[in-house]
Amino acid sequence: MAPAPREAYERWDGKVNYADDPRRKSPALATLMSVMPGLGQIYVGYYQQGFINVLVVATTITILASGAVSGAEPLLGLFLAFYWLYNIVDAGRRANFYNQALAGLEPGALPEDIKLPGTRGSFAAGVALIAAGLIFFSNTMFNVSLEWLEDWWPVALIVAGGWLVYKSRVSETARDRAARSE
């Protein structure tokens, strides 16, 4: 359904009555819809953020239900509760920002959506996916035991953290060089 033409919600004096604009989003409805994670963001038009919220909540619930993280259940439970609450508050806030932008008002700083990796790819992510694929493939095809993974999985976190620190230092050094040359 296309939005109504501007003349349909224009007042007699020529000013636009944004309260009657059919494109407005109800902050209360967005908040209520976000009781189901991500649905409020999708209603407002932030599809990517909505699907990310669904993915985070579903993954956390799956991890908790599987019992794969014995001992970390309280931490994941608290994370889930706070993330769910954030999701509900965020949907109403995004609806308010959307309505302010629609009315031509200058809203406060709207937080940027979570950026996903672009199509150009990431070397580190590619290597991690290849390594994970090889490990799981060797388990399913050649019945290679994954018991060693139980003890050594934290090494992946150390490597990922080291890579992030390295990339940060490289970009910081490049910025410093650019600042000195100006």
N, C-alpha and C. Protein backbone atom coordinates (compact mmCIF):
# COMPACT_ATOMS: atom_id res chain seq x y z
N MET A 1 0.85 -1.17 0.00
CA MET A 1 0.00 0.00 0.00
C MET A 1 0.90 1.24 0.00
N ALA A 2 0.69 2.09 -0.97
CA ALA A 2 1.50 3.31 -1.09
C ALA A 2 1.03 4.35 -0.09
N PRO A 3 1.95 5.18 0.41
CA PRO A 3 1.53 6.24 1.33
C PRO A 3 0.63 7.25 0.64
N ALA A 4 -0.25 7.85 1.42
CA ALA A 4 -1.17 8.84 0.86
C ALA A 4 -0.40 10.06 0.36
N PRO A 5 -0.89 10.69 -0.70
CA PRO A 5 -0.19 11.89 -1.17
C PRO A 5 -0.21 12.99 -0.12
N ARG A 6 0.75 13.88 -0.22
CA ARG A 6 0.93 14.94 0.76
C ARG A 6 -0.35 15.76 0.94
N GLU A 7 -1.09 15.97 -0.15
CA GLU A 7 -2.31 16.78 -0.06
C GLU A 7 -3.35 16.15 0.86
N ALA A 8 -3.30 14.84 1.02
CA ALA A 8 -4.30 14.15 1.83
C ALA A 8 -4.17 14.49 3.31
N TYR A 9 -3.00 14.89 3.76
CA TYR A 9 -2.84 15.23 5.17
C TYR A 9 -2.31 16.64 5.35
N GLU A 10 -2.60 17.51 4.38
CA GLU A 10 -2.21 18.91 4.46
C GLU A 10 -3.36 19.69 5.09
N ARG A 11 -3.02 20.61 5.97
CA ARG A 11 -4.04 21.42 6.62
C ARG A 11 -4.50 22.53 5.70
N TRP A 12 -5.55 23.26 6.11
CA TRP A 12 -6.11 24.34 5.30
C TRP A 12 -5.10 25.46 5.05
N ASP A 13 -4.14 25.67 5.98
CA ASP A 13 -3.19 26.76 5.82
C ASP A 13 -1.92 26.32 5.07
N GLY A 14 -1.93 25.11 4.51
CA GLY A 14 -0.80 24.66 3.71
C GLY A 14 0.26 23.92 4.49
N LYS A 15 0.17 23.92 5.82
CA LYS A 15 1.16 23.21 6.62
C LYS A 15 0.78 21.73 6.71
N VAL A 16 1.77 20.91 6.74
CA VAL A 16 1.52 19.48 6.80
C VAL A 16 1.23 19.06 8.24
N ASN A 17 0.18 18.30 8.42
CA ASN A 17 -0.18 17.77 9.73
C ASN A 17 0.41 16.37 9.84
N TYR A 18 1.58 16.27 10.45
CA TYR A 18 2.27 14.99 10.51
C TYR A 18 1.61 14.02 11.47
N ALA A 19 0.74 14.51 12.32
CA ALA A 19 0.03 13.60 13.22
C ALA A 19 -0.89 12.67 12.43
N ASP A 20 -1.35 13.13 11.27
CA ASP A 20 -2.24 12.31 10.44
C ASP A 20 -1.50 11.60 9.31
N ASP A 21 -0.20 11.74 9.25
CA ASP A 21 0.60 11.12 8.19
C ASP A 21 0.51 9.60 8.33
N PRO A 22 0.05 8.91 7.30
CA PRO A 22 -0.09 7.45 7.41
C PRO A 22 1.24 6.71 7.49
N ARG A 23 2.34 7.39 7.21
CA ARG A 23 3.65 6.74 7.29
C ARG A 23 4.20 6.72 8.71
N ARG A 24 3.57 7.44 9.63
CA ARG A 24 4.05 7.46 11.02
C ARG A 24 3.98 6.06 11.62
N LYS A 25 4.88 5.79 12.53
CA LYS A 25 4.91 4.51 13.23
C LYS A 25 4.57 4.76 14.69
N SER A 26 3.76 3.91 15.25
CA SER A 26 3.36 4.04 16.64
C SER A 26 4.45 3.50 17.55
N PRO A 27 5.05 4.37 18.40
CA PRO A 27 6.05 3.87 19.34
C PRO A 27 5.48 2.82 20.31
N ALA A 28 4.23 3.00 20.71
CA ALA A 28 3.62 2.03 21.63
C ALA A 28 3.46 0.68 20.95
N LEU A 29 3.02 0.69 19.69
CA LEU A 29 2.85 -0.57 18.96
C LEU A 29 4.21 -1.23 18.70
N ALA A 30 5.21 -0.42 18.36
CA ALA A 30 6.56 -0.97 18.13
C ALA A 30 7.08 -1.61 19.41
N THR A 31 6.85 -0.96 20.55
CA THR A 31 7.30 -1.51 21.84
C THR A 31 6.56 -2.81 22.15
N LEU A 32 5.25 -2.81 21.94
CA LEU A 32 4.46 -4.01 22.20
C LEU A 32 4.86 -5.16 21.28
N MET A 33 5.11 -4.85 20.02
CA MET A 33 5.50 -5.89 19.06
C MET A 33 6.86 -6.48 19.41
N SER A 34 7.72 -5.70 20.07
CA SER A 34 9.06 -6.17 20.40
C SER A 34 9.08 -7.15 21.56
N VAL A 35 7.94 -7.44 22.15
CA VAL A 35 7.89 -8.53 23.12
C VAL A 35 8.32 -9.81 22.39
N MET A 36 8.00 -9.88 21.09
CA MET A 36 8.56 -10.91 20.21
C MET A 36 9.81 -10.28 19.60
N PRO A 37 11.01 -10.71 20.00
CA PRO A 37 12.25 -10.02 19.63
C PRO A 37 12.37 -9.73 18.14
N GLY A 38 12.70 -8.46 17.84
CA GLY A 38 12.95 -8.03 16.48
C GLY A 38 11.74 -7.55 15.72
N LEU A 39 10.55 -7.92 16.16
CA LEU A 39 9.34 -7.58 15.41
C LEU A 39 9.07 -6.08 15.41
N GLY A 40 9.36 -5.38 16.50
CA GLY A 40 9.17 -3.93 16.55
C GLY A 40 10.11 -3.21 15.60
N GLN A 41 11.37 -3.66 15.53
CA GLN A 41 12.32 -3.03 14.61
C GLN A 41 11.89 -3.26 13.17
N ILE A 42 11.40 -4.45 12.86
CA ILE A 42 10.93 -4.74 11.51
C ILE A 42 9.73 -3.86 11.18
N TYR A 43 8.82 -3.66 12.12
CA TYR A 43 7.66 -2.79 11.92
C TYR A 43 8.08 -1.37 11.57
N VAL A 44 9.12 -0.86 12.24
CA VAL A 44 9.58 0.50 12.00
C VAL A 44 10.35 0.59 10.68
N GLY A 45 10.88 -0.52 10.21
CA GLY A 45 11.60 -0.51 8.94
C GLY A 45 13.06 -0.89 9.05
N TYR A 46 13.51 -1.23 10.25
CA TYR A 46 14.90 -1.64 10.46
C TYR A 46 14.96 -3.17 10.38
N TYR A 47 14.85 -3.68 9.17
CA TYR A 47 14.76 -5.13 8.95
C TYR A 47 16.02 -5.85 9.42
N GLN A 48 17.17 -5.32 9.05
CA GLN A 48 18.43 -5.97 9.41
C GLN A 48 18.57 -6.06 10.93
N GLN A 49 18.30 -4.97 11.64
CA GLN A 49 18.40 -4.98 13.09
C GLN A 49 17.40 -5.96 13.70
N GLY A 50 16.19 -6.01 13.14
CA GLY A 50 15.19 -6.94 13.64
C GLY A 50 15.62 -8.39 13.50
N PHE A 51 16.15 -8.74 12.34
CA PHE A 51 16.60 -10.12 12.13
C PHE A 51 17.81 -10.46 12.99
N ILE A 52 18.67 -9.49 13.22
CA ILE A 52 19.81 -9.72 14.12
C ILE A 52 19.31 -10.00 15.53
N ASN A 53 18.31 -9.24 15.99
CA ASN A 53 17.75 -9.46 17.32
C ASN A 53 17.13 -10.85 17.44
N VAL A 54 16.41 -11.28 16.40
CA VAL A 54 15.82 -12.62 16.41
C VAL A 54 16.93 -13.66 16.49
N LEU A 55 17.97 -13.47 15.69
CA LEU A 55 19.08 -14.42 15.65
C LEU A 55 19.80 -14.52 16.99
N VAL A 56 20.06 -13.38 17.64
CA VAL A 56 20.76 -13.39 18.93
C VAL A 56 19.92 -14.09 20.00
N VAL A 57 18.63 -13.77 20.07
CA VAL A 57 17.77 -14.38 21.09
C VAL A 57 17.61 -15.87 20.83
N ALA A 58 17.36 -16.25 19.57
CA ALA A 58 17.17 -17.66 19.25
C ALA A 58 18.44 -18.47 19.52
N THR A 59 19.59 -17.91 19.17
CA THR A 59 20.85 -18.61 19.41
C THR A 59 21.10 -18.78 20.91
N THR A 60 20.84 -17.74 21.68
CA THR A 60 21.05 -17.83 23.13
C THR A 60 20.12 -18.86 23.76
N ILE A 61 18.86 -18.87 23.34
CA ILE A 61 17.92 -19.86 23.87
C ILE A 61 18.33 -21.27 23.48
N THR A 62 18.79 -21.44 22.24
CA THR A 62 19.24 -22.76 21.79
C THR A 62 20.44 -23.24 22.59
N ILE A 63 21.38 -22.35 22.84
CA ILE A 63 22.56 -22.72 23.63
C ILE A 63 22.15 -23.10 25.06
N LEU A 64 21.24 -22.32 25.64
CA LEU A 64 20.79 -22.63 27.00
C LEU A 64 20.03 -23.96 27.05
N ALA A 65 19.19 -24.22 26.04
CA ALA A 65 18.39 -25.44 26.04
C ALA A 65 19.23 -26.68 25.76
N SER A 66 20.32 -26.52 25.03
CA SER A 66 21.14 -27.69 24.68
C SER A 66 22.00 -28.16 25.84
N GLY A 67 22.25 -27.29 26.79
CA GLY A 67 23.11 -27.64 27.92
C GLY A 67 24.57 -27.70 27.54
N ALA A 68 24.93 -27.06 26.44
CA ALA A 68 26.30 -27.11 25.93
C ALA A 68 27.27 -26.26 26.74
N VAL A 69 26.76 -25.38 27.55
CA VAL A 69 27.64 -24.47 28.30
C VAL A 69 27.39 -24.62 29.80
N SER A 70 27.72 -25.77 30.32
CA SER A 70 27.46 -25.99 31.74
C SER A 70 28.27 -25.01 32.58
N GLY A 71 27.59 -24.37 33.49
CA GLY A 71 28.24 -23.40 34.36
C GLY A 71 28.03 -21.96 33.91
N ALA A 72 27.71 -21.75 32.64
CA ALA A 72 27.54 -20.39 32.13
C ALA A 72 26.06 -20.02 31.99
N GLU A 73 25.18 -20.88 32.44
CA GLU A 73 23.75 -20.62 32.29
C GLU A 73 23.30 -19.32 32.96
N PRO A 74 23.76 -19.02 34.19
CA PRO A 74 23.34 -17.75 34.80
C PRO A 74 23.79 -16.53 33.99
N LEU A 75 25.00 -16.58 33.47
CA LEU A 75 25.51 -15.47 32.67
C LEU A 75 24.69 -15.29 31.39
N LEU A 76 24.43 -16.39 30.69
CA LEU A 76 23.64 -16.31 29.46
C LEU A 76 22.20 -15.92 29.76
N GLY A 77 21.66 -16.37 30.89
CA GLY A 77 20.31 -15.98 31.28
C GLY A 77 20.20 -14.49 31.53
N LEU A 78 21.18 -13.93 32.24
CA LEU A 78 21.19 -12.47 32.46
C LEU A 78 21.36 -11.72 31.14
N PHE A 79 22.26 -12.20 30.28
CA PHE A 79 22.44 -11.57 28.98
C PHE A 79 21.13 -11.57 28.21
N LEU A 80 20.43 -12.70 28.20
CA LEU A 80 19.18 -12.81 27.46
C LEU A 80 18.13 -11.84 28.01
N ALA A 81 18.03 -11.74 29.33
CA ALA A 81 17.05 -10.82 29.92
C ALA A 81 17.35 -9.38 29.56
N PHE A 82 18.61 -8.96 29.68
CA PHE A 82 18.97 -7.59 29.35
C PHE A 82 18.84 -7.31 27.86
N TYR A 83 19.21 -8.27 27.02
CA TYR A 83 19.10 -8.06 25.57
C TYR A 83 17.63 -7.95 25.16
N TRP A 84 16.79 -8.77 25.77
CA TRP A 84 15.36 -8.74 25.47
C TRP A 84 14.78 -7.37 25.86
N LEU A 85 15.14 -6.88 27.04
CA LEU A 85 14.67 -5.57 27.48
C LEU A 85 15.19 -4.47 26.57
N TYR A 86 16.47 -4.54 26.19
CA TYR A 86 17.04 -3.56 25.26
C TYR A 86 16.25 -3.56 23.95
N ASN A 87 15.91 -4.74 23.46
CA ASN A 87 15.17 -4.88 22.22
C ASN A 87 13.82 -4.16 22.30
N ILE A 88 13.14 -4.29 23.41
CA ILE A 88 11.83 -3.67 23.59
C ILE A 88 11.96 -2.15 23.63
N VAL A 89 12.91 -1.64 24.41
CA VAL A 89 13.12 -0.19 24.52
C VAL A 89 13.59 0.39 23.19
N ASP A 90 14.46 -0.33 22.50
CA ASP A 90 15.03 0.15 21.24
C ASP A 90 13.96 0.33 20.17
N ALA A 91 12.98 -0.55 20.11
CA ALA A 91 11.94 -0.44 19.09
C ALA A 91 11.12 0.84 19.26
N GLY A 92 10.73 1.16 20.49
CA GLY A 92 9.99 2.40 20.72
C GLY A 92 10.83 3.63 20.40
N ARG A 93 12.11 3.57 20.75
CA ARG A 93 13.02 4.68 20.47
C ARG A 93 13.20 4.89 18.96
N ARG A 94 13.35 3.81 18.24
CA ARG A 94 13.50 3.90 16.79
C ARG A 94 12.23 4.45 16.14
N ALA A 95 11.07 4.08 16.67
CA ALA A 95 9.82 4.62 16.12
C ALA A 95 9.75 6.13 16.36
N ASN A 96 10.16 6.59 17.54
CA ASN A 96 10.19 8.04 17.80
C ASN A 96 11.14 8.75 16.86
N PHE A 97 12.34 8.21 16.66
CA PHE A 97 13.31 8.81 15.74
C PHE A 97 12.75 8.85 14.32
N TYR A 98 12.11 7.78 13.92
CA TYR A 98 11.52 7.70 12.58
C TYR A 98 10.48 8.79 12.39
N ASN A 99 9.61 8.95 13.39
CA ASN A 99 8.56 9.96 13.30
C ASN A 99 9.14 11.38 13.29
N GLN A 100 10.19 11.61 14.08
CA GLN A 100 10.82 12.93 14.09
C GLN A 100 11.46 13.23 12.74
N ALA A 101 12.11 12.25 12.15
CA ALA A 101 12.72 12.46 10.83
C ALA A 101 11.64 12.68 9.78
N LEU A 102 10.52 11.99 9.89
CA LEU A 102 9.41 12.14 8.95
C LEU A 102 8.82 13.54 9.04
N ALA A 103 8.77 14.08 10.25
CA ALA A 103 8.22 15.43 10.45
C ALA A 103 9.21 16.51 10.07
N GLY A 104 10.42 16.12 9.71
CA GLY A 104 11.43 17.11 9.33
C GLY A 104 12.14 17.71 10.52
N LEU A 105 11.92 17.17 11.70
CA LEU A 105 12.61 17.65 12.88
C LEU A 105 14.00 17.04 12.92
N GLU A 106 14.88 17.64 13.64
CA GLU A 106 16.24 17.12 13.77
C GLU A 106 16.28 16.20 14.98
N PRO A 107 16.16 14.88 14.76
CA PRO A 107 16.21 13.98 15.91
C PRO A 107 17.61 13.91 16.48
N GLY A 108 17.71 13.39 17.68
CA GLY A 108 19.02 13.18 18.28
C GLY A 108 19.80 12.17 17.46
N ALA A 109 20.96 11.87 17.88
CA ALA A 109 21.81 10.95 17.13
C ALA A 109 21.20 9.55 17.14
N LEU A 110 20.85 9.06 15.97
CA LEU A 110 20.31 7.72 15.85
C LEU A 110 21.46 6.73 15.80
N PRO A 111 21.45 5.74 16.66
CA PRO A 111 22.57 4.80 16.64
C PRO A 111 22.63 4.07 15.31
N GLU A 112 23.84 3.85 14.83
CA GLU A 112 24.00 3.12 13.58
C GLU A 112 23.64 1.67 13.81
N ASP A 113 23.07 1.06 12.78
CA ASP A 113 22.76 -0.36 12.88
C ASP A 113 24.06 -1.16 12.92
N ILE A 114 23.93 -2.35 13.42
CA ILE A 114 25.10 -3.22 13.47
C ILE A 114 25.53 -3.49 12.04
N LYS A 115 26.78 -3.26 11.75
CA LYS A 115 27.27 -3.48 10.40
C LYS A 115 27.68 -4.94 10.24
N LEU A 116 27.18 -5.54 9.19
CA LEU A 116 27.58 -6.90 8.86
C LEU A 116 28.74 -6.86 7.89
N PRO A 117 29.49 -7.93 7.78
CA PRO A 117 30.60 -7.93 6.83
C PRO A 117 30.11 -7.66 5.42
N GLY A 118 30.85 -6.88 4.69
CA GLY A 118 30.48 -6.55 3.32
C GLY A 118 30.75 -7.71 2.38
N THR A 119 30.48 -7.50 1.10
CA THR A 119 30.65 -8.57 0.12
C THR A 119 32.10 -8.77 -0.25
N ARG A 120 32.98 -7.83 0.12
CA ARG A 120 34.38 -7.98 -0.25
C ARG A 120 35.07 -9.05 0.58
N GLY A 121 34.51 -9.45 1.69
CA GLY A 121 35.04 -10.54 2.48
C GLY A 121 36.03 -10.10 3.54
N SER A 122 36.37 -11.03 4.37
CA SER A 122 37.33 -10.80 5.44
C SER A 122 38.27 -12.00 5.48
N PHE A 123 39.55 -11.73 5.47
CA PHE A 123 40.55 -12.80 5.48
C PHE A 123 40.40 -13.67 6.73
N ALA A 124 40.30 -13.03 7.89
CA ALA A 124 40.23 -13.77 9.16
C ALA A 124 38.96 -14.62 9.22
N ALA A 125 37.83 -14.05 8.79
CA ALA A 125 36.58 -14.82 8.81
C ALA A 125 36.65 -15.99 7.84
N GLY A 126 37.26 -15.77 6.69
CA GLY A 126 37.41 -16.85 5.72
C GLY A 126 38.25 -17.99 6.25
N VAL A 127 39.37 -17.66 6.88
CA VAL A 127 40.24 -18.69 7.46
C VAL A 127 39.50 -19.44 8.57
N ALA A 128 38.77 -18.71 9.41
CA ALA A 128 38.03 -19.34 10.50
C ALA A 128 36.96 -20.29 9.96
N LEU A 129 36.24 -19.88 8.91
CA LEU A 129 35.21 -20.74 8.34
C LEU A 129 35.83 -21.99 7.69
N ILE A 130 36.95 -21.81 6.99
CA ILE A 130 37.61 -22.96 6.38
C ILE A 130 38.08 -23.93 7.46
N ALA A 131 38.69 -23.42 8.53
CA ALA A 131 39.17 -24.28 9.61
C ALA A 131 38.02 -25.03 10.27
N ALA A 132 36.93 -24.31 10.57
CA ALA A 132 35.77 -24.96 11.20
C ALA A 132 35.18 -26.01 10.26
N GLY A 133 35.08 -25.68 8.98
CA GLY A 133 34.55 -26.63 8.01
C GLY A 133 35.40 -27.88 7.91
N LEU A 134 36.72 -27.72 7.89
CA LEU A 134 37.62 -28.88 7.82
C LEU A 134 37.50 -29.75 9.06
N ILE A 135 37.40 -29.11 10.23
CA ILE A 135 37.27 -29.88 11.47
C ILE A 135 35.97 -30.68 11.49
N PHE A 136 34.86 -30.03 11.16
CA PHE A 136 33.57 -30.73 11.19
C PHE A 136 33.46 -31.76 10.07
N PHE A 137 34.04 -31.46 8.91
CA PHE A 137 34.03 -32.41 7.80
C PHE A 137 34.82 -33.67 8.17
N SER A 138 35.98 -33.48 8.79
CA SER A 138 36.78 -34.64 9.19
C SER A 138 36.06 -35.47 10.24
N ASN A 139 35.25 -34.83 11.07
CA ASN A 139 34.48 -35.56 12.07
C ASN A 139 33.37 -36.38 11.41
N THR A 140 32.65 -35.79 10.46
CA THR A 140 31.52 -36.50 9.86
C THR A 140 31.95 -37.54 8.83
N MET A 141 32.99 -37.26 8.05
CA MET A 141 33.39 -38.18 6.98
C MET A 141 34.39 -39.24 7.44
N PHE A 142 35.30 -38.86 8.30
CA PHE A 142 36.38 -39.78 8.68
C PHE A 142 36.32 -40.18 10.15
N ASN A 143 35.25 -39.77 10.83
CA ASN A 143 35.03 -40.12 12.23
C ASN A 143 36.21 -39.72 13.12
N VAL A 144 36.80 -38.56 12.84
CA VAL A 144 37.88 -38.02 13.67
C VAL A 144 37.26 -37.48 14.95
N SER A 145 37.79 -37.87 16.08
CA SER A 145 37.25 -37.45 17.37
C SER A 145 37.42 -35.95 17.58
N LEU A 146 36.43 -35.34 18.19
CA LEU A 146 36.49 -33.91 18.49
C LEU A 146 36.73 -33.66 19.98
N GLU A 147 37.18 -34.68 20.71
CA GLU A 147 37.41 -34.51 22.14
C GLU A 147 38.48 -33.47 22.43
N TRP A 148 39.49 -33.36 21.58
CA TRP A 148 40.55 -32.38 21.75
C TRP A 148 40.00 -30.96 21.68
N LEU A 149 38.89 -30.79 20.94
CA LEU A 149 38.30 -29.46 20.78
C LEU A 149 37.77 -28.93 22.11
N GLU A 150 37.34 -29.84 22.98
CA GLU A 150 36.82 -29.44 24.29
C GLU A 150 37.86 -28.70 25.11
N ASP A 151 39.11 -29.11 24.98
CA ASP A 151 40.19 -28.47 25.75
C ASP A 151 40.81 -27.28 25.02
N TRP A 152 40.78 -27.27 23.70
CA TRP A 152 41.53 -26.28 22.93
C TRP A 152 40.69 -25.18 22.29
N TRP A 153 39.35 -25.16 22.47
CA TRP A 153 38.54 -24.14 21.82
C TRP A 153 38.89 -22.72 22.27
N PRO A 154 39.37 -22.47 23.51
CA PRO A 154 39.71 -21.09 23.88
C PRO A 154 40.84 -20.50 23.03
N VAL A 155 41.64 -21.35 22.40
CA VAL A 155 42.71 -20.84 21.54
C VAL A 155 42.12 -20.02 20.39
N ALA A 156 40.95 -20.43 19.89
CA ALA A 156 40.30 -19.67 18.82
C ALA A 156 39.96 -18.26 19.29
N LEU A 157 39.53 -18.12 20.53
CA LEU A 157 39.23 -16.78 21.06
C LEU A 157 40.50 -15.95 21.20
N ILE A 158 41.58 -16.58 21.62
CA ILE A 158 42.86 -15.87 21.75
C ILE A 158 43.35 -15.40 20.39
N VAL A 159 43.25 -16.26 19.39
CA VAL A 159 43.68 -15.89 18.03
C VAL A 159 42.80 -14.77 17.49
N ALA A 160 41.49 -14.87 17.68
CA ALA A 160 40.58 -13.82 17.20
C ALA A 160 40.87 -12.50 17.91
N GLY A 161 41.09 -12.53 19.21
CA GLY A 161 41.43 -11.31 19.94
C GLY A 161 42.74 -10.72 19.48
N GLY A 162 43.74 -11.56 19.25
CA GLY A 162 45.02 -11.09 18.75
C GLY A 162 44.89 -10.44 17.38
N TRP A 163 44.07 -11.03 16.53
CA TRP A 163 43.84 -10.46 15.20
C TRP A 163 43.19 -9.09 15.31
N LEU A 164 42.22 -8.94 16.19
CA LEU A 164 41.55 -7.64 16.37
C LEU A 164 42.51 -6.59 16.91
N VAL A 165 43.35 -6.98 17.86
CA VAL A 165 44.34 -6.04 18.40
C VAL A 165 45.31 -5.63 17.31
N TYR A 166 45.77 -6.59 16.52
CA TYR A 166 46.70 -6.29 15.43
C TYR A 166 46.07 -5.33 14.42
N LYS A 167 44.84 -5.61 13.99
CA LYS A 167 44.15 -4.74 13.02
C LYS A 167 43.95 -3.34 13.60
N SER A 168 43.65 -3.25 14.89
CA SER A 168 43.46 -1.95 15.53
C SER A 168 44.76 -1.16 15.54
N ARG A 169 45.84 -1.82 15.88
CA ARG A 169 47.15 -1.15 15.92
C ARG A 169 47.57 -0.69 14.52
N VAL A 170 47.32 -1.51 13.51
CA VAL A 170 47.69 -1.14 12.14
C VAL A 170 46.90 0.07 11.68
N SER A 171 45.59 0.09 11.95
CA SER A 171 44.78 1.24 11.53
C SER A 171 45.13 2.49 12.34
N GLU A 172 45.47 2.31 13.63
CA GLU A 172 45.87 3.45 14.46
C GLU A 172 47.19 4.04 13.96
N THR A 173 48.12 3.19 13.59
CA THR A 173 49.40 3.66 13.06
C THR A 173 49.20 4.39 11.74
N ALA A 174 48.33 3.88 10.89
CA ALA A 174 48.05 4.54 9.61
C ALA A 174 47.41 5.91 9.84
N ARG A 175 46.52 6.01 10.83
CA ARG A 175 45.89 7.31 11.13
C ARG A 175 46.92 8.30 11.66
N ASP A 176 47.84 7.81 12.51
CA ASP A 176 48.89 8.69 13.04
C ASP A 176 49.79 9.21 11.92
N ARG A 177 50.15 8.34 11.00
CA ARG A 177 50.99 8.76 9.87
C ARG A 177 50.27 9.79 9.02
N ALA A 178 48.97 9.58 8.78
CA ALA A 178 48.20 10.52 7.98
C ALA A 178 48.08 11.86 8.69
N ALA A 179 47.93 11.84 10.02
CA ALA A 179 47.82 13.09 10.78
C ALA A 179 49.13 13.86 10.76
N ARG A 180 50.25 13.15 10.83
CA ARG A 180 51.56 13.82 10.80
C ARG A 180 51.88 14.42 9.44
N SER A 181 51.40 13.78 8.38
CA SER A 181 51.72 14.27 7.04
C SER A 181 50.88 15.49 6.67
N GLU A 182 49.82 15.76 7.39
CA GLU A 182 48.97 16.92 7.08
C GLU A 182 49.50 18.19 7.61
